[in-house]
């Protein structure tokens, strides 16, 4: 009996030690951030979880309990639902090609890396090396470019990761993740000037009724548009170079992304691993849109591809990205993993809180899933559960209501007098941009 027990325990140990079928590395896109927060309400909709479902593998998520005033990047009010779960989703919000190699998880829980990766310790890459999964995805590099876009009141393209640093980082990432027998799908960097967070003169006209002289080829940001729309700042904000990416700065960003993607292609090809072309996918949606019946998904703000923050995908956006990864894996590795079908995509879209079903530029949202979702109706961007028409132009009454709701949500007297600086700080907090704008 004792011998049989020893053998049984030995077999159980071997089974437990088998490498996982799928491990994902990356940034907030992989963590499952939506509307500037990540929690159990958004994480299951991430592209990596969609991939795992289609693969039919065990893929424990680091599910996070949030609240109506929480934001990603802060552990205040955000805890792991089950802190003992050892996740195979290693993607961490804010990660770039440097931090995926250097930012280690540890205890006590002090930051997003600790929150997501605990109880494991080490960097994303180190943990992946220890797990030695037979299949992985690694979509990293977007934040190396996105930092130049999210710094909404310091838009000068200076925040880009230097190309030489990106090259050295990416080479180390690729070599580390292919040091055992595995299959890895990497992904390139989308053109971050195509995301809903940035507004060109046509976008401003749509939401504000006019473009206030924003030059063609230039962009401002979602927070800037809202500050003007709510009467919290004057239109002179759109003439301030710190709040506008001019054509030359846009070219600097797009040139850096082209170089990043050349590096990704070269390094992946050197180890015979494929690259999911998310850059071309987003460009296609930006140029053509994707029709679903009477709905056409676009990349403009509240156009269906992004959540309320204009950066992170909607549910249907994540599903479309998941299919792009699976198509790449099937082709490169001669797999036959089923894609999400047209019927499945249609079902996902029908239940997506970030799709504008009646064309009024307002979405339902996901009420109280973080601070931005809580205040979305006060901003006039969510809470749409009936037909209506968003009125373009300035609405200072709504702006005053927003500031009162913001102060209430953050534990202050709603009657607190406010300045434009206070309004800017409110935007910084609700969109979870402290990291990007205070470096």
Protein backbone atom coordinates (compact mmCIF):
# COMPACT_ATOMS: atom_id res chain seq x y z
CA UNK A 1 0.00 0.00 0.00
CA UNK A 2 2.80 2.39 0.91
CA UNK A 3 4.59 1.64 -2.36
CA UNK A 4 1.40 2.27 -4.33
CA UNK A 5 0.89 5.58 -2.48
CA UNK A 6 4.46 6.69 -3.28
CA UNK A 7 4.00 5.84 -6.96
CA UNK A 8 0.67 7.69 -7.06
CA UNK A 9 2.14 10.78 -5.46
CA UNK A 10 5.07 10.62 -7.87
CA UNK A 11 2.74 10.52 -10.88
CA UNK A 12 0.73 13.42 -9.48
CA UNK A 13 3.92 15.41 -9.07
CA UNK A 14 4.93 14.72 -12.67
CA UNK A 15 1.50 15.77 -13.93
CA UNK A 16 1.65 18.99 -11.95
CA UNK A 17 5.10 19.74 -13.31
CA UNK A 18 4.01 19.57 -16.95
CA UNK A 19 4.60 22.90 -18.71
CA UNK A 20 1.47 24.97 -19.42
CA UNK A 21 -0.14 24.80 -22.84
CA UNK A 22 -0.14 28.58 -23.22
CA UNK A 23 1.58 31.54 -21.56
CA UNK A 24 1.05 35.18 -22.56
CA UNK A 25 3.44 38.07 -22.09
CA UNK A 26 2.73 41.72 -22.76
CA UNK A 27 1.25 44.93 -21.45
CA UNK A 28 -2.16 46.35 -20.55
CA UNK A 29 -3.68 44.93 -23.73
CA UNK A 30 -2.88 41.44 -22.46
CA UNK A 31 -3.77 42.19 -18.86
CA UNK A 32 -7.26 43.08 -20.03
CA UNK A 33 -7.44 46.76 -19.21
CA UNK A 34 -10.58 48.56 -20.35
CA UNK A 35 -11.64 52.10 -19.51
CA UNK A 36 -8.45 52.71 -17.53
CA UNK A 37 -8.95 49.79 -15.12
CA UNK A 38 -8.42 46.03 -15.09
CA UNK A 39 -10.61 43.73 -13.05
CA UNK A 40 -12.65 40.54 -13.13
CA UNK A 41 -15.17 42.51 -15.20
CA UNK A 42 -12.73 43.23 -18.03
CA UNK A 43 -9.97 40.58 -17.85
CA UNK A 44 -12.04 37.67 -19.24
CA UNK A 45 -12.59 39.66 -22.45
CA UNK A 46 -8.85 40.10 -23.18
CA UNK A 47 -7.47 38.78 -26.46
CA UNK A 48 -5.17 36.40 -24.55
CA UNK A 49 -8.09 34.79 -22.74
CA UNK A 50 -9.92 34.47 -26.06
CA UNK A 51 -6.86 32.73 -27.49
CA UNK A 52 -6.69 30.36 -24.52
CA UNK A 53 -10.36 29.49 -24.92
CA UNK A 54 -9.91 28.68 -28.60
CA UNK A 55 -6.83 26.59 -27.76
CA UNK A 56 -8.83 24.71 -25.14
CA UNK A 57 -6.10 24.98 -22.51
CA UNK A 58 -6.06 25.78 -18.82
CA UNK A 59 -5.34 29.49 -18.46
CA UNK A 60 -5.82 30.87 -14.94
CA UNK A 61 -6.25 34.64 -14.88
CA UNK A 62 -5.01 36.97 -12.12
CA UNK A 63 -8.55 38.20 -11.48
CA UNK A 64 -8.65 41.54 -9.69
CA UNK A 65 -11.37 42.97 -7.46
CA UNK A 66 -11.82 46.65 -8.20
CA UNK A 67 -14.29 49.35 -7.15
CA UNK A 68 -16.11 52.40 -8.48
CA UNK A 69 -13.15 54.73 -7.84
CA UNK A 70 -10.19 52.56 -8.88
CA UNK A 71 -7.76 52.98 -11.78
CA UNK A 72 -5.16 50.69 -13.29
CA UNK A 73 -1.61 51.24 -12.07
CA UNK A 74 -2.74 51.84 -8.50
CA UNK A 75 -3.19 49.08 -5.95
CA UNK A 76 -5.41 51.29 -3.80
CA UNK A 77 -8.77 49.52 -3.66
CA UNK A 78 -7.59 46.78 -6.03
CA UNK A 79 -6.74 43.31 -4.76
CA UNK A 80 -6.45 39.83 -6.20
CA UNK A 81 -9.67 37.84 -5.75
CA UNK A 82 -7.60 34.73 -5.10
CA UNK A 83 -4.00 35.70 -4.29
CA UNK A 84 -2.89 32.06 -4.46
CA UNK A 85 -3.64 31.70 -8.20
CA UNK A 86 -0.48 31.36 -10.26
CA UNK A 87 -1.47 32.97 -13.53
CA UNK A 88 -0.33 32.07 -17.04
CA UNK A 89 -1.29 35.57 -18.18
CA UNK A 90 1.89 37.45 -17.36
CA UNK A 91 0.97 40.68 -19.19
CA UNK A 92 1.22 43.78 -16.99
CA UNK A 93 -0.23 47.21 -17.67
CA UNK A 94 2.45 49.78 -18.45
CA UNK A 95 5.05 47.23 -19.51
CA UNK A 96 7.43 48.12 -22.31
CA UNK A 97 10.46 46.39 -23.81
CA UNK A 98 12.60 47.47 -20.87
CA UNK A 99 10.30 46.63 -17.95
CA UNK A 100 9.33 43.20 -19.29
CA UNK A 101 13.00 42.35 -18.72
CA UNK A 102 13.68 44.32 -15.54
CA UNK A 103 10.47 44.87 -13.51
CA UNK A 104 10.29 42.05 -10.98
CA UNK A 105 7.25 41.02 -8.99
CA UNK A 106 7.60 40.66 -5.25
CA UNK A 107 5.89 41.20 -1.93
CA UNK A 108 4.30 43.12 -0.38
CA UNK A 109 1.96 44.12 -3.23
CA UNK A 110 3.09 47.63 -4.08
CA UNK A 111 2.47 48.03 -7.80
CA UNK A 112 0.72 46.55 -10.83
CA UNK A 113 3.50 44.04 -11.51
CA UNK A 114 3.23 42.63 -7.98
CA UNK A 115 -0.58 42.58 -8.20
CA UNK A 116 -0.70 40.65 -11.48
CA UNK A 117 2.22 38.24 -11.12
CA UNK A 118 1.99 37.37 -7.41
CA UNK A 119 2.54 34.85 -5.90
CA UNK A 120 5.19 34.30 -8.55
CA UNK A 121 8.35 36.39 -8.35
CA UNK A 122 10.63 37.69 -11.07
CA UNK A 123 10.12 39.51 -14.35
CA UNK A 124 7.67 38.45 -17.04
CA UNK A 125 10.48 36.95 -19.09
CA UNK A 126 12.05 35.17 -16.12
CA UNK A 127 8.71 33.61 -15.17
CA UNK A 128 8.09 32.53 -18.76
CA UNK A 129 11.54 30.92 -18.84
CA UNK A 130 10.74 29.01 -15.67
CA UNK A 131 7.39 27.79 -17.05
CA UNK A 132 8.74 26.76 -20.49
CA UNK A 133 5.31 26.66 -22.14
CA UNK A 134 4.91 24.89 -25.44
CA UNK A 135 3.07 27.90 -26.92
CA UNK A 136 3.31 31.61 -26.11
CA UNK A 137 2.26 34.99 -27.38
CA UNK A 138 4.33 38.10 -26.75
CA UNK A 139 2.87 41.45 -27.73
CA UNK A 140 5.19 44.07 -26.30
CA UNK A 141 6.43 47.41 -27.61
CA UNK A 142 3.25 49.46 -27.88
CA UNK A 143 4.09 51.44 -24.75
CA UNK A 144 7.49 52.29 -26.18
CA UNK A 145 5.55 54.43 -28.67
CA UNK A 146 2.33 55.08 -26.75
CA UNK A 147 4.17 57.06 -24.10
CA UNK A 148 4.51 59.88 -26.64
CA UNK A 149 0.71 59.97 -27.06
CA UNK A 150 -0.53 59.51 -23.50
CA UNK A 151 1.50 62.46 -22.18
CA UNK A 152 -1.53 64.57 -23.11
CA UNK A 153 -0.27 67.88 -21.69
CA UNK A 154 3.30 67.39 -22.87
CA UNK A 155 2.88 66.25 -26.46
CA UNK A 156 6.29 66.61 -28.06
CA UNK A 157 7.26 63.03 -29.11
CA UNK A 158 10.20 63.10 -26.68
CA UNK A 159 8.96 60.10 -24.72
CA UNK A 160 9.70 57.49 -27.41
CA UNK A 161 12.07 54.66 -26.51
CA UNK A 162 15.32 55.19 -28.46
CA UNK A 163 15.57 52.77 -31.39
CA UNK A 164 18.92 51.40 -30.20
CA UNK A 165 17.44 50.60 -26.78
CA UNK A 166 14.38 48.99 -28.39
CA UNK A 167 16.64 46.83 -30.58
CA UNK A 168 18.76 45.61 -27.68
CA UNK A 169 15.70 44.92 -25.54
CA UNK A 170 13.78 43.08 -28.22
CA UNK A 171 16.73 40.90 -29.13
CA UNK A 172 17.09 39.85 -25.50
CA UNK A 173 13.34 39.16 -25.24
CA UNK A 174 13.30 36.98 -28.34
CA UNK A 175 16.43 35.06 -27.41
CA UNK A 176 15.18 34.46 -23.87
CA UNK A 177 11.75 33.23 -24.98
CA UNK A 178 13.14 30.82 -27.57
CA UNK A 179 15.81 29.21 -25.43
CA UNK A 180 13.76 25.98 -25.23
CA UNK A 181 11.55 24.09 -27.67
CA UNK A 182 8.49 26.30 -27.98
CA UNK A 183 6.29 28.14 -30.44
CA UNK A 184 5.96 31.90 -30.00
CA UNK A 185 3.79 34.37 -31.86
CA UNK A 186 5.17 37.87 -31.51
CA UNK A 187 3.24 40.96 -32.61
CA UNK A 188 4.22 44.32 -33.97
CA UNK A 189 3.38 47.84 -32.81
CA UNK A 190 0.20 49.50 -34.10
CA UNK A 191 0.26 53.05 -35.37
CA UNK A 192 -0.65 54.73 -32.09
CA UNK A 193 -1.80 57.89 -33.87
CA UNK A 194 -4.77 55.86 -35.17
CA UNK A 195 -6.27 55.09 -31.76
CA UNK A 196 -9.42 56.68 -30.36
CA UNK A 197 -7.44 58.63 -27.77
CA UNK A 198 -6.19 61.06 -30.43
CA UNK A 199 -8.44 63.58 -32.18
CA UNK A 200 -7.81 65.18 -35.56
CA UNK A 201 -9.78 68.18 -36.85
CA UNK A 202 -12.58 65.96 -38.23
CA UNK A 203 -12.95 64.24 -34.85
CA UNK A 204 -13.09 67.57 -33.06
CA UNK A 205 -15.78 68.79 -35.43
CA UNK A 206 -17.81 65.66 -34.76
CA UNK A 207 -17.70 66.08 -30.98
CA UNK A 208 -17.36 69.85 -30.61
CA UNK A 209 -19.11 71.17 -33.69
CA UNK A 210 -15.90 72.79 -34.97
CA UNK A 211 -12.18 72.07 -35.06
CA UNK A 212 -11.10 75.38 -33.44
CA UNK A 213 -8.35 75.76 -36.02
CA UNK A 214 -6.50 72.53 -35.29
CA UNK A 215 -4.25 72.21 -38.36
CA UNK A 216 -4.76 69.32 -40.74
CA UNK A 217 -2.26 66.58 -39.90
CA UNK A 218 -2.14 67.55 -36.23
CA UNK A 219 -3.75 65.76 -33.30
CA UNK A 220 -4.90 66.61 -29.82
CA UNK A 221 -6.07 64.20 -27.14
CA UNK A 222 -9.29 62.88 -25.63
CA UNK A 223 -8.69 64.74 -22.33
CA UNK A 224 -8.17 67.99 -24.27
CA UNK A 225 -11.41 67.49 -26.20
CA UNK A 226 -13.33 66.79 -23.00
CA UNK A 227 -11.87 69.79 -21.19
CA UNK A 228 -13.05 72.05 -23.99
CA UNK A 229 -16.40 70.29 -24.44
CA UNK A 230 -17.22 70.56 -20.74
CA UNK A 231 -16.19 74.19 -20.54
CA UNK A 232 -13.38 73.28 -18.14
CA UNK A 233 -10.78 74.90 -20.41
CA UNK A 234 -10.96 77.39 -23.25
CA UNK A 235 -10.34 76.54 -26.89
CA UNK A 236 -6.96 78.26 -26.60
CA UNK A 237 -5.82 74.93 -25.17
CA UNK A 238 -5.87 73.59 -28.73
CA UNK A 239 -3.38 76.25 -29.79
CA UNK A 240 -0.89 75.32 -27.06
CA UNK A 241 1.96 73.20 -28.55
CA UNK A 242 2.09 71.13 -25.36
CA UNK A 243 -1.45 69.93 -26.03
CA UNK A 244 -1.03 69.26 -29.76
CA UNK A 245 1.02 66.81 -31.79
CA UNK A 246 1.98 68.71 -34.91
CA UNK A 247 2.67 67.05 -38.25
CA UNK A 248 6.42 66.82 -37.64
CA UNK A 249 5.93 65.20 -34.22
CA UNK A 250 3.45 62.74 -35.74
CA UNK A 251 6.04 61.86 -38.35
CA UNK A 252 8.64 61.31 -35.63
CA UNK A 253 6.31 58.88 -33.84
CA UNK A 254 5.33 57.01 -37.00
CA UNK A 255 8.97 56.76 -38.11
CA UNK A 256 9.95 55.27 -34.74
CA UNK A 257 7.12 52.72 -35.01
CA UNK A 258 8.29 51.71 -38.48
CA UNK A 259 11.78 51.13 -37.11
CA UNK A 260 10.43 49.22 -34.10
CA UNK A 261 8.46 46.95 -36.41
CA UNK A 262 11.45 46.32 -38.63
CA UNK A 263 13.36 45.21 -35.55
CA UNK A 264 10.50 42.95 -34.42
CA UNK A 265 10.32 41.33 -37.87
CA UNK A 266 14.09 40.83 -38.05
CA UNK A 267 14.50 39.41 -34.56
CA UNK A 268 11.52 37.06 -34.89
CA UNK A 269 12.67 35.87 -38.32
CA UNK A 270 16.13 35.12 -36.93
CA UNK A 271 14.58 32.44 -34.69
CA UNK A 272 11.96 31.40 -37.27
CA UNK A 273 9.00 32.71 -35.26
CA UNK A 274 6.02 34.56 -36.78
CA UNK A 275 4.75 38.07 -36.14
CA UNK A 276 1.05 38.92 -35.96
CA UNK A 277 0.66 42.06 -38.05
CA UNK A 278 -1.54 44.09 -35.71
CA UNK A 279 -0.19 47.27 -37.29
CA UNK A 280 -1.82 46.42 -40.63
CA UNK A 281 -4.99 45.24 -38.90
CA UNK A 282 -5.50 48.54 -37.08
CA UNK A 283 -4.60 50.47 -40.22
CA UNK A 284 -7.29 48.55 -42.13
CA UNK A 285 -9.92 49.30 -39.50
CA UNK A 286 -8.81 52.94 -39.39
CA UNK A 287 -9.08 53.28 -43.16
CA UNK A 288 -12.08 51.09 -43.96
CA UNK A 289 -13.91 50.15 -40.78
CA UNK A 290 -15.35 46.69 -40.18
CA UNK A 291 -19.08 46.26 -40.90
CA UNK A 292 -21.29 44.12 -38.68
CA UNK A 293 -24.80 44.46 -40.02
CA UNK A 294 -25.89 48.05 -39.44
CA UNK A 295 -22.83 48.76 -37.26
CA UNK A 296 -19.44 49.70 -38.70
CA UNK A 297 -16.58 49.50 -36.23
CA UNK A 298 -14.10 52.36 -36.50
CA UNK A 299 -11.05 53.52 -34.58
CA UNK A 300 -12.42 56.99 -33.78
CA UNK A 301 -13.47 57.64 -30.20
CA UNK A 302 -16.56 55.60 -29.23
CA UNK A 303 -16.38 54.05 -32.69
CA UNK A 304 -16.55 50.52 -31.30
CA UNK A 305 -12.94 49.31 -31.41
CA UNK A 306 -11.89 50.87 -28.10
CA UNK A 307 -13.23 51.15 -24.57
CA UNK A 308 -13.95 54.47 -22.85
CA UNK A 309 -10.26 55.38 -22.50
CA UNK A 310 -9.74 55.36 -26.28
CA UNK A 311 -6.62 53.21 -25.87
CA UNK A 312 -7.64 49.71 -24.81
CA UNK A 313 -9.83 47.53 -27.01
CA UNK A 314 -13.52 46.94 -26.57
CA UNK A 315 -14.75 43.36 -26.20
CA UNK A 316 -15.16 43.02 -29.97
CA UNK A 317 -11.81 44.72 -30.50
CA UNK A 318 -10.09 42.10 -28.34
CA UNK A 319 -11.89 39.30 -30.20
CA UNK A 320 -10.73 40.62 -33.58
CA UNK A 321 -7.14 40.82 -32.29
CA UNK A 322 -7.39 37.25 -30.93
CA UNK A 323 -8.35 35.97 -34.38
CA UNK A 324 -5.35 37.76 -35.90
CA UNK A 325 -3.01 35.94 -33.49
CA UNK A 326 -4.69 32.59 -34.16
CA UNK A 327 -4.51 33.02 -37.93
CA UNK A 328 -0.79 33.75 -37.62
CA UNK A 329 -0.22 30.73 -35.37
CA UNK A 330 -2.21 28.39 -37.62
CA UNK A 331 -0.29 29.48 -40.69
CA UNK A 332 3.19 29.46 -39.16
CA UNK A 333 2.95 26.29 -37.10
CA UNK A 334 0.49 24.31 -39.29
CA UNK A 335 -2.09 24.25 -36.53
CA UNK A 336 -5.83 24.01 -36.85
CA UNK A 337 -7.02 26.09 -33.92
CA UNK A 338 -10.60 27.25 -34.56
CA UNK A 339 -11.09 30.96 -35.01
CA UNK A 340 -13.93 32.87 -33.43
CA UNK A 341 -16.73 32.49 -35.97
CA UNK A 342 -18.76 35.27 -37.52
CA UNK A 343 -21.69 34.22 -35.33
CA UNK A 344 -19.50 34.35 -32.20
CA UNK A 345 -18.16 37.77 -33.16
CA UNK A 346 -21.68 39.05 -33.75
CA UNK A 347 -22.74 37.78 -30.32
CA UNK A 348 -19.75 39.45 -28.67
CA UNK A 349 -20.56 42.71 -30.44
CA UNK A 350 -24.23 42.64 -29.44
CA UNK A 351 -23.27 42.47 -25.76
CA UNK A 352 -20.34 44.89 -25.98
CA UNK A 353 -20.79 47.89 -23.65
CA UNK A 354 -18.43 49.95 -25.82
CA UNK A 355 -20.36 49.88 -29.10
CA UNK A 356 -22.46 52.88 -30.08
CA UNK A 357 -25.59 51.14 -31.35
CA UNK A 358 -27.65 54.22 -32.19
CA UNK A 359 -24.98 56.50 -33.63
CA UNK A 360 -25.16 59.21 -30.96
CA UNK A 361 -21.45 58.95 -29.99
CA UNK A 362 -22.38 57.68 -26.50
CA UNK A 363 -22.00 54.06 -25.37
CA UNK A 364 -23.56 52.08 -22.55
CA UNK A 365 -20.31 51.56 -20.69
CA UNK A 366 -19.82 49.22 -17.76
CA UNK A 367 -21.18 51.17 -14.78
CA UNK A 368 -18.92 51.51 -11.72
CA UNK A 369 -16.12 49.30 -13.11
CA UNK A 370 -13.48 51.81 -12.08
CA UNK A 371 -13.38 55.60 -11.84
CA UNK A 372 -13.72 56.38 -15.56
CA UNK A 373 -16.77 54.15 -15.89
CA UNK A 374 -18.30 55.71 -12.78
CA UNK A 375 -17.86 59.23 -14.12
CA UNK A 376 -18.50 58.41 -17.79
CA UNK A 377 -22.11 59.64 -17.72
CA UNK A 378 -20.94 62.91 -16.12
CA UNK A 379 -18.53 63.30 -19.04
CA UNK A 380 -21.29 62.65 -21.56
CA UNK A 381 -19.53 59.64 -23.08
CA UNK A 382 -21.37 56.67 -21.54
CA UNK A 383 -24.54 55.67 -19.76
CA UNK A 384 -26.54 55.55 -22.99
CA UNK A 385 -29.37 53.07 -22.47
CA UNK A 386 -31.90 54.82 -24.69
CA UNK A 387 -32.03 56.60 -28.02
CA UNK A 388 -30.74 60.12 -28.01
CA UNK A 389 -28.52 62.54 -29.83
CA UNK A 390 -25.30 63.91 -28.42
CA UNK A 391 -25.20 67.64 -28.94
CA UNK A 392 -21.85 68.83 -30.31
CA UNK A 393 -20.39 71.93 -28.76
CA UNK A 394 -19.51 73.21 -25.29
CA UNK A 395 -21.63 72.22 -22.28
CA UNK A 396 -20.34 74.05 -19.23
CA UNK A 397 -23.31 72.90 -17.13
CA UNK A 398 -22.24 69.29 -17.69
CA UNK A 399 -18.68 70.31 -16.86
CA UNK A 400 -19.72 71.67 -13.47
CA UNK A 401 -21.67 68.47 -12.77
CA UNK A 402 -18.63 66.42 -13.72
CA UNK A 403 -16.34 68.28 -11.33
CA UNK A 404 -18.89 67.84 -8.52
CA UNK A 405 -19.13 64.12 -9.28
CA UNK A 406 -15.33 63.86 -9.47
CA UNK A 407 -14.85 65.51 -6.09
CA UNK A 408 -17.53 63.30 -4.55
CA UNK A 409 -15.97 60.14 -5.99
CA UNK A 410 -12.55 61.07 -4.69
CA UNK A 411 -13.77 61.84 -1.17
CA UNK A 412 -13.90 65.63 -1.35
CA UNK A 413 -16.62 68.19 -0.85
CA UNK A 414 -18.59 68.41 -4.14
CA UNK A 415 -18.89 72.17 -3.61
CA UNK A 416 -15.10 72.59 -3.74
CA UNK A 417 -14.09 75.51 -5.94
CA UNK A 418 -12.02 74.33 -8.89
CA UNK A 419 -9.58 75.76 -11.42
CA UNK A 420 -8.49 74.60 -14.86
CA UNK A 421 -5.50 72.96 -13.18
CA UNK A 422 -7.87 70.91 -11.02
CA UNK A 423 -9.79 69.84 -14.13
CA UNK A 424 -6.57 68.76 -15.84
CA UNK A 425 -5.61 66.71 -12.79
CA UNK A 426 -9.06 65.13 -12.81
CA UNK A 427 -8.51 63.99 -16.40
CA UNK A 428 -5.09 62.70 -15.49
CA UNK A 429 -6.53 60.60 -12.68
CA UNK A 430 -9.67 59.21 -14.30
CA UNK A 431 -7.77 58.09 -17.41
CA UNK A 432 -5.01 56.53 -15.27
CA UNK A 433 -2.30 58.66 -16.87
CA UNK A 434 -0.20 59.64 -13.86
CA UNK A 435 2.68 57.44 -15.02
CA UNK A 436 2.69 58.85 -18.52
CA UNK A 437 2.39 62.55 -17.74
CA UNK A 438 4.61 62.92 -14.67
CA UNK A 439 7.84 61.35 -15.83
